[in-house]
Amino acid sequence: MKQEPRYIKKNKLLSVLMISFFSLMFMALTSGCVEKDLINDPVTGLVNVPENMTSLNDGRYTASTEFYDTRGYAQQLDFNIKNGVITQVNFKEISKNNLDRLTQEGEEKTWDSSETLTLGSLYFRLYNELLLTQNADKIEAITGATQTSDRFISLSKNALEQAGKGNHAPVKIETSDTYIVRSQIDPDGYQGVLTATFKGATLSSLSYDEIRIEDGKSKSKLTDPQNQLTYKSIFTGFSQETMSSQNLTPVLTEGEMTPEKSKYIETLKLLKDSRTKY
C-alpha cells in the first residue's frame, strides 16, 4: 500500500491539533466559565513553560481585594499550580450580597465603549493570557474594562509572589478607589455631594459641596446669612475634620444641628456603607 509523504502527514496532524486547540478556546469563551483547565500544547495536554519563567511551588493560591470597589464588587483570583506551572484560573467579582457579577449582570453584558466585548469574554481573555504567558506583566489591560483588567493583573502579581515563596495563605491587596456619594435633595433643591479617594485603608482626599439640582450651581459660592461665613469655609471645615480623624463615623458636638451638617453626616454614612471590607 502506498504511504503518504511525511510532510502531508505532518500537515494533517498540525491541522487536527490546531482545530482541537481552537475548539477548546471557543467552548471556554462561549460557556462563560471562568474556571477551566486550558492548554497551549494539544499534543501533551499541558501548558508549555515559557523560557526564564520564575520557579513556582505547586498548590492553590488566592488573592483578593481588601475592600469593595465603587461598583460594590470585590475581586478574587484563585489559581492552581501543577509541576511548576499555572494550569487553572478562577476569577470572580463578588457583590456585598455574595453574588457573582456574572450572575448579577450576565455574561453577555457589554460596555458602551466596546460593542463586542462581553463580561464573559473579558474574563476569558484575562485568565487565558495568564495561562498562556504564565506572567502577570505580560497581561494587557483591556480597553473599556480597565478597572477589572488592572485588578486582575494586580491580583495575579500578588498571587504569583506567594507561589514563588510557596506561601499558600490567602493575600489581600490594597487598591485606590474614588467614591462619589450624594444625599437626599433638601427643600431648597440642594444635594450634598461627597467625593472621597482611598489608598488602601487610608482616606487620601475628601471634598464636599452642595449642588442645586435645578441649575447645577454650587452652594460654596454663597454666604451663610446667620454667621456671615462662606459655605465654602464651612464645607472645608467638615472635610478637614474627617481627614484628620480618618474616621467616617461623624463626631457629634453639642449645639444645633444645621441643615448643612446634617446633609454632610448623611453622605458620610453613605460613604461608610460603600467603603466596606471584603
Protein backbone atom coordinates (compact mmCIF):
# COMPACT_ATOMS: atom_id res chain seq x y z
CA MET A 1 0.00 0.00 0.00
CA LYS A 2 1.28 3.43 -0.98
CA GLN A 3 2.30 5.56 2.02
CA GLU A 4 1.63 9.27 2.23
CA PRO A 5 4.71 11.52 2.21
CA ARG A 6 5.87 12.62 5.69
CA TYR A 7 5.16 16.32 5.12
CA ILE A 8 1.50 15.51 4.28
CA LYS A 9 1.11 13.51 7.48
CA LYS A 10 2.74 16.32 9.44
CA ASN A 11 0.43 18.91 7.92
CA LYS A 12 -2.64 16.76 8.66
CA LEU A 13 -1.55 16.30 12.27
CA LEU A 14 -0.93 20.02 12.64
CA SER A 15 -4.39 20.79 11.25
CA VAL A 16 -6.04 18.40 13.69
CA LEU A 17 -4.14 19.88 16.62
CA MET A 18 -5.00 23.44 15.64
CA ILE A 19 -8.68 22.56 15.25
CA SER A 20 -8.66 20.89 18.68
CA PHE A 21 -6.99 23.88 20.29
CA PHE A 22 -9.33 26.48 18.82
CA SER A 23 -12.36 24.31 19.55
CA LEU A 24 -11.35 24.30 23.21
CA MET A 25 -10.87 28.08 23.14
CA PHE A 26 -14.30 28.55 21.56
CA MET A 27 -16.05 26.32 24.10
CA ALA A 28 -14.46 28.15 27.01
CA LEU A 29 -15.33 31.52 25.54
CA THR A 30 -18.96 30.74 24.79
CA SER A 31 -19.59 28.91 28.05
CA GLY A 32 -18.77 31.96 30.16
CA CYS A 33 -16.91 29.63 32.51
CA VAL A 34 -14.04 31.23 34.37
CA GLU A 35 -12.63 28.07 35.94
CA LYS A 36 -11.31 25.63 33.41
CA ASP A 37 -8.08 23.77 32.61
CA LEU A 38 -6.72 25.31 29.43
CA ILE A 39 -3.72 24.20 27.41
CA ASN A 40 -1.39 25.66 24.82
CA ASP A 41 0.07 22.33 23.73
CA PRO A 42 -2.62 19.99 22.28
CA VAL A 43 -0.05 17.19 21.87
CA THR A 44 0.82 16.84 25.56
CA GLY A 45 -2.30 18.44 27.00
CA LEU A 46 -0.14 20.71 29.14
CA VAL A 47 0.74 24.36 29.41
CA ASN A 48 4.21 24.88 27.98
CA VAL A 49 6.62 26.52 30.39
CA PRO A 50 7.86 29.85 28.98
CA GLU A 51 11.61 30.46 28.98
CA ASN A 52 13.12 32.22 32.03
CA MET A 53 9.94 31.56 34.00
CA THR A 54 10.06 32.15 37.75
CA SER A 55 10.08 28.96 39.79
CA LEU A 56 6.62 28.36 41.26
CA ASN A 57 5.56 25.96 44.01
CA ASP A 58 2.64 23.61 43.43
CA GLY A 59 -0.71 24.17 45.11
CA ARG A 60 -3.66 26.56 45.14
CA TYR A 61 -3.14 30.30 45.68
CA THR A 62 -5.67 33.05 46.37
CA ALA A 63 -5.52 36.84 46.21
CA SER A 64 -8.39 39.27 46.71
CA THR A 65 -9.03 42.97 47.11
CA GLU A 66 -9.34 44.24 50.68
CA PHE A 67 -12.36 46.48 50.01
CA TYR A 68 -15.41 46.52 47.77
CA ASP A 69 -14.93 48.94 44.87
CA THR A 70 -17.10 51.87 43.78
CA ARG A 71 -19.42 49.50 41.91
CA GLY A 72 -19.94 47.37 45.00
CA TYR A 73 -17.74 44.43 43.93
CA ALA A 74 -14.67 42.79 45.42
CA GLN A 75 -12.35 40.83 43.14
CA GLN A 76 -10.86 37.43 43.91
CA LEU A 77 -8.39 35.35 41.92
CA ASP A 78 -7.53 31.70 42.57
CA PHE A 79 -5.20 29.52 40.54
CA ASN A 80 -3.74 26.04 40.70
CA ILE A 81 -0.10 25.24 40.02
CA LYS A 82 0.95 21.75 38.96
CA ASN A 83 4.52 20.80 38.13
CA GLY A 84 5.53 24.44 38.48
CA VAL A 85 3.03 25.92 36.00
CA ILE A 86 -0.41 27.54 36.33
CA THR A 87 -2.98 25.10 34.99
CA GLN A 88 -6.28 26.51 36.22
CA VAL A 89 -7.55 30.04 36.89
CA ASN A 90 -10.72 31.23 38.61
CA PHE A 91 -11.56 34.95 38.70
CA LYS A 92 -14.68 36.32 40.40
CA GLU A 93 -16.18 39.69 41.15
CA ILE A 94 -18.38 39.33 44.23
CA SER A 95 -21.08 41.69 45.48
CA LYS A 96 -21.77 42.55 49.12
CA ASN A 97 -24.62 40.05 48.98
CA ASN A 98 -22.06 37.39 48.00
CA LEU A 99 -23.39 37.18 44.44
CA ASP A 100 -21.16 36.67 41.43
CA ARG A 101 -21.08 39.55 38.95
CA LEU A 102 -21.72 37.09 36.11
CA THR A 103 -24.93 36.10 37.87
CA GLN A 104 -25.87 39.69 38.63
CA GLU A 105 -25.15 41.34 35.28
CA GLY A 106 -24.98 38.37 32.90
CA GLU A 107 -22.01 37.13 30.91
CA GLU A 108 -23.36 38.91 27.81
CA LYS A 109 -23.09 42.34 29.47
CA THR A 110 -21.38 44.84 27.16
CA TRP A 111 -19.90 48.34 27.57
CA ASP A 112 -20.68 51.48 25.58
CA SER A 113 -17.00 51.76 24.70
CA SER A 114 -16.90 48.22 23.26
CA GLU A 115 -19.76 46.65 21.33
CA THR A 116 -18.01 43.29 21.01
CA LEU A 117 -16.55 42.80 24.50
CA THR A 118 -18.83 40.94 26.91
CA LEU A 119 -18.25 40.22 30.58
CA GLY A 120 -17.76 36.53 29.82
CA SER A 121 -15.25 37.18 27.03
CA LEU A 122 -13.43 39.74 29.22
CA TYR A 123 -12.84 37.16 31.92
CA PHE A 124 -11.81 34.59 29.33
CA ARG A 125 -9.22 36.89 27.75
CA LEU A 126 -7.70 37.75 31.12
CA TYR A 127 -7.30 34.27 32.54
CA ASN A 128 -6.31 32.87 29.15
CA GLU A 129 -3.45 35.39 28.90
CA LEU A 130 -2.27 34.40 32.36
CA LEU A 131 -2.36 30.70 31.48
CA LEU A 132 -0.56 31.12 28.18
CA THR A 133 2.13 33.56 29.35
CA GLN A 134 2.47 32.42 32.97
CA ASN A 135 3.46 36.04 33.62
CA ALA A 136 1.25 38.81 35.06
CA ASP A 137 3.45 41.51 33.48
CA LYS A 138 2.51 40.24 30.02
CA ILE A 139 -1.24 40.59 30.56
CA GLU A 140 -2.57 43.61 28.68
CA ALA A 141 -5.28 45.81 30.17
CA ILE A 142 -8.39 45.67 28.01
CA THR A 143 -9.80 48.93 26.70
CA GLY A 144 -13.28 49.59 28.03
CA ALA A 145 -12.71 47.43 31.11
CA THR A 146 -9.58 48.97 32.57
CA GLN A 147 -10.56 48.67 36.23
CA THR A 148 -11.35 44.96 36.07
CA SER A 149 -8.23 44.33 33.97
CA ASP A 150 -5.98 46.23 36.39
CA ARG A 151 -7.43 44.40 39.38
CA PHE A 152 -6.89 41.04 37.67
CA ILE A 153 -3.26 41.95 36.88
CA SER A 154 -2.56 43.17 40.45
CA LEU A 155 -4.11 40.05 41.97
CA SER A 156 -2.11 37.85 39.60
CA LYS A 157 1.17 39.53 40.59
CA ASN A 158 0.48 39.14 44.29
CA ALA A 159 -0.65 35.52 43.98
CA LEU A 160 2.43 34.70 41.90
CA GLU A 161 4.65 36.23 44.57
CA GLN A 162 3.02 33.89 47.08
CA ALA A 163 3.53 30.95 44.73
CA GLY A 164 7.21 31.84 44.36
CA LYS A 165 7.58 31.61 48.14
CA GLY A 166 5.34 28.57 48.49
CA ASN A 167 3.10 30.54 50.85
CA HIS A 168 -0.47 29.27 50.49
CA ALA A 169 -2.04 31.83 52.83
CA PRO A 170 -4.64 34.00 51.02
CA VAL A 171 -3.37 37.53 50.40
CA LYS A 172 -5.31 40.82 50.37
CA ILE A 173 -4.23 43.70 48.15
CA GLU A 174 -4.69 47.42 48.67
CA THR A 175 -6.46 49.39 45.93
CA SER A 176 -7.10 53.04 45.11
CA ASP A 177 -10.77 53.92 44.75
CA THR A 178 -12.68 57.18 44.36
CA TYR A 179 -16.28 57.21 45.60
CA ILE A 180 -18.92 59.84 44.90
CA VAL A 181 -21.97 59.75 47.18
CA ARG A 182 -25.00 62.03 47.23
CA SER A 183 -27.50 62.98 49.93
CA GLN A 184 -31.23 63.43 49.55
CA ILE A 185 -32.33 66.71 47.96
CA ASP A 186 -33.39 69.31 50.54
CA PRO A 187 -36.49 71.57 50.28
CA ASP A 188 -34.34 74.30 48.67
CA GLY A 189 -33.26 71.93 45.91
CA TYR A 190 -29.69 71.32 47.15
CA GLN A 191 -28.00 67.96 47.29
CA GLY A 192 -24.86 67.15 49.26
CA VAL A 193 -22.07 65.65 47.13
CA LEU A 194 -19.10 63.98 48.82
CA THR A 195 -16.08 62.83 46.81
CA ALA A 196 -13.56 60.63 48.62
CA THR A 197 -10.40 58.84 47.46
CA PHE A 198 -8.88 55.96 49.38
CA LYS A 199 -5.48 54.34 49.01
CA GLY A 200 -5.92 51.10 50.83
CA ALA A 201 -7.40 51.87 54.25
CA THR A 202 -6.18 55.49 54.16
CA LEU A 203 -8.51 58.31 53.20
CA SER A 204 -6.21 60.35 50.96
CA SER A 205 -8.54 63.13 49.75
CA LEU A 206 -12.02 64.39 50.54
CA SER A 207 -14.15 67.22 49.20
CA TYR A 208 -17.73 68.23 49.90
CA ASP A 209 -20.18 70.64 48.33
CA GLU A 210 -23.89 71.17 47.91
CA ILE A 211 -25.21 71.44 44.37
CA ARG A 212 -28.57 72.87 43.35
CA ILE A 213 -30.17 70.24 41.14
CA GLU A 214 -32.13 72.74 39.07
CA ASP A 215 -29.14 74.56 37.60
CA GLY A 216 -26.05 72.81 38.96
CA LYS A 217 -24.90 75.83 40.94
CA SER A 218 -22.55 75.34 43.89
CA LYS A 219 -23.55 76.49 47.36
CA SER A 220 -19.87 77.07 48.20
CA LYS A 221 -20.01 80.43 46.47
CA LEU A 222 -22.73 81.68 48.80
CA THR A 223 -22.56 83.07 52.35
CA ASP A 224 -24.42 81.75 55.39
CA PRO A 225 -26.59 84.72 56.49
CA GLN A 226 -26.54 83.64 60.17
CA ASN A 227 -22.79 83.70 60.80
CA GLN A 228 -21.57 85.52 57.67
CA LEU A 229 -19.24 82.65 56.80
CA THR A 230 -18.94 81.37 53.27
CA TYR A 231 -20.34 77.90 52.78
CA LYS A 232 -17.01 77.01 51.20
CA SER A 233 -15.23 77.55 54.53
CA ILE A 234 -17.95 75.61 56.36
CA PHE A 235 -17.71 72.66 53.97
CA THR A 236 -13.90 72.74 54.08
CA GLY A 237 -14.11 72.53 57.88
CA PHE A 238 -16.29 69.42 57.61
CA SER A 239 -13.82 67.75 55.24
CA GLN A 240 -10.72 68.66 57.25
CA GLU A 241 -12.22 67.25 60.43
CA THR A 242 -12.88 63.91 58.72
CA MET A 243 -9.45 63.84 57.06
CA SER A 244 -7.72 64.49 60.38
CA SER A 245 -9.62 61.79 62.24
CA GLN A 246 -9.64 59.27 59.32
CA ASN A 247 -12.97 58.26 60.79
CA LEU A 248 -16.16 58.02 58.73
CA THR A 249 -18.27 57.99 61.87
CA PRO A 250 -19.10 61.67 62.48
CA VAL A 251 -18.31 63.26 65.81
CA LEU A 252 -21.46 64.99 67.04
CA THR A 253 -20.90 68.15 69.05
CA GLU A 254 -23.27 69.98 71.33
CA GLY A 255 -25.43 72.66 69.78
CA GLU A 256 -27.93 72.97 66.99
CA MET A 257 -27.55 70.61 64.05
CA THR A 258 -27.53 72.78 60.94
CA PRO A 259 -29.08 71.52 57.69
CA GLU A 260 -25.60 71.60 56.11
CA LYS A 261 -24.06 69.47 58.87
CA SER A 262 -26.99 67.07 58.70
CA LYS A 263 -26.52 66.57 54.95
CA TYR A 264 -22.78 66.08 55.37
CA ILE A 265 -23.34 63.40 58.02
CA GLU A 266 -25.78 61.68 55.66
CA THR A 267 -23.12 61.48 52.94
CA LEU A 268 -20.53 60.21 55.43
CA LYS A 269 -22.83 57.33 56.34
CA LEU A 270 -23.34 56.52 52.66
CA LEU A 271 -19.58 56.58 52.12
CA LYS A 272 -19.01 54.27 55.08
CA ASP A 273 -21.55 51.83 53.66
CA SER A 274 -19.74 51.87 50.30
CA ARG A 275 -16.18 51.51 51.63
CA THR A 276 -16.50 48.20 53.43
CA LYS A 277 -14.04 45.35 53.76
CA TYR A 278 -14.42 42.18 51.73
